[in-house]
Amino acid sequence: MGLTRGRMDNIAIVVASSEAGASDRVADSMQRGTPELTMQDAVRAAEAEMCRASRSREGAVATGPVGVAPRAGHGIMI
């Protein structure tokens, strides 16, 4: 069973021998599905990822670049 995001409501048609059986089928179906993130959940996850990425970048800047090729005119002289 799948439902769309109706503006006002959604209607589910369930085939069962009784109203209780139909309720059980709807409940089982809802628990099987993968919950979708709300917009607020997605924003919080994006903010957390940005904070994590900025902390990683700050650590890299503090320790300096690694494996950078010499700039023109600043190479090793022999």
Protein backbone atom coordinates (compact mmCIF):
# COMPACT_ATOMS: atom_id res chain seq x y z
CA MET A 1 0.00 0.00 0.00
CA GLY A 2 1.32 3.45 -0.82
CA LEU A 3 -0.06 6.89 -0.26
CA THR A 4 0.77 10.24 -1.77
CA ARG A 5 1.06 13.46 0.17
CA GLY A 6 -2.48 14.71 -0.25
CA ARG A 7 -3.17 18.37 0.45
CA MET A 8 -6.32 17.73 2.42
CA ASP A 9 -6.38 13.97 3.03
CA ASN A 10 -5.45 10.55 1.71
CA ILE A 11 -7.67 7.58 1.13
CA ALA A 12 -6.39 4.03 1.48
CA ILE A 13 -8.40 1.15 0.09
CA VAL A 14 -7.72 -2.03 2.06
CA VAL A 15 -9.20 -5.43 1.29
CA ALA A 16 -9.90 -7.41 4.47
CA SER A 17 -12.65 -9.55 5.96
CA SER A 18 -13.31 -7.13 8.84
CA GLU A 19 -12.69 -3.56 9.93
CA ALA A 20 -10.24 -4.80 12.58
CA GLY A 21 -8.40 -6.81 9.93
CA ALA A 22 -8.20 -3.74 7.69
CA SER A 23 -6.82 -1.66 10.58
CA ASP A 24 -4.22 -4.35 11.27
CA ARG A 25 -3.16 -4.42 7.61
CA VAL A 26 -2.79 -0.64 7.50
CA ALA A 27 -0.77 -0.66 10.75
CA ASP A 28 1.48 -3.47 9.46
CA SER A 29 2.04 -1.63 6.20
CA MET A 30 2.91 1.63 7.95
CA GLN A 31 5.47 -0.09 10.17
CA ARG A 32 7.14 -1.83 7.22
CA GLY A 33 7.77 1.33 5.26
CA THR A 34 10.89 3.46 5.38
CA PRO A 35 10.13 6.73 7.13
CA GLU A 36 10.89 9.82 5.09
CA LEU A 37 12.86 12.71 6.52
CA THR A 38 10.96 15.86 7.26
CA MET A 39 12.33 19.10 5.84
CA GLN A 40 13.53 20.02 9.34
CA ASP A 41 15.39 16.70 9.62
CA ALA A 42 17.05 17.28 6.25
CA VAL A 43 18.10 20.83 7.24
CA ARG A 44 19.54 19.61 10.56
CA ALA A 45 21.47 16.84 8.79
CA ALA A 46 22.86 19.31 6.23
CA GLU A 47 23.90 21.75 8.99
CA ALA A 48 25.61 18.96 10.93
CA GLU A 49 27.48 17.87 7.80
CA MET A 50 28.59 21.46 7.10
CA CYS A 51 29.88 21.79 10.69
CA ARG A 52 31.74 18.48 10.36
CA ALA A 53 33.26 19.51 7.05
CA SER A 54 34.33 22.92 8.38
CA ARG A 55 36.02 21.31 11.42
CA SER A 56 37.92 18.99 9.07
CA ARG A 57 39.03 21.95 6.95
CA GLU A 58 40.13 23.98 10.00
CA GLY A 59 42.30 21.09 11.13
CA ALA A 60 43.88 20.84 7.68
CA VAL A 61 44.59 24.58 7.54
CA ALA A 62 46.10 24.58 11.05
CA THR A 63 48.59 21.82 10.19
CA GLY A 64 49.44 23.28 6.79
CA PRO A 65 49.26 21.76 3.35
CA VAL A 66 50.68 18.32 2.75
CA GLY A 67 52.40 17.25 -0.46
CA VAL A 68 52.30 20.62 -2.21
CA ALA A 69 54.58 20.98 -5.23
CA PRO A 70 57.12 23.84 -5.06
CA ARG A 71 55.95 27.09 -6.60
CA ALA A 72 57.73 28.41 -9.66
CA GLY A 73 61.05 29.96 -8.65
CA HIS A 74 60.94 28.41 -5.18
CA GLY A 75 62.15 24.90 -5.96
CA ILE A 76 65.10 23.10 -4.41
CA MET A 77 68.44 24.28 -5.81
CA ILE A 78 71.27 21.77 -6.28
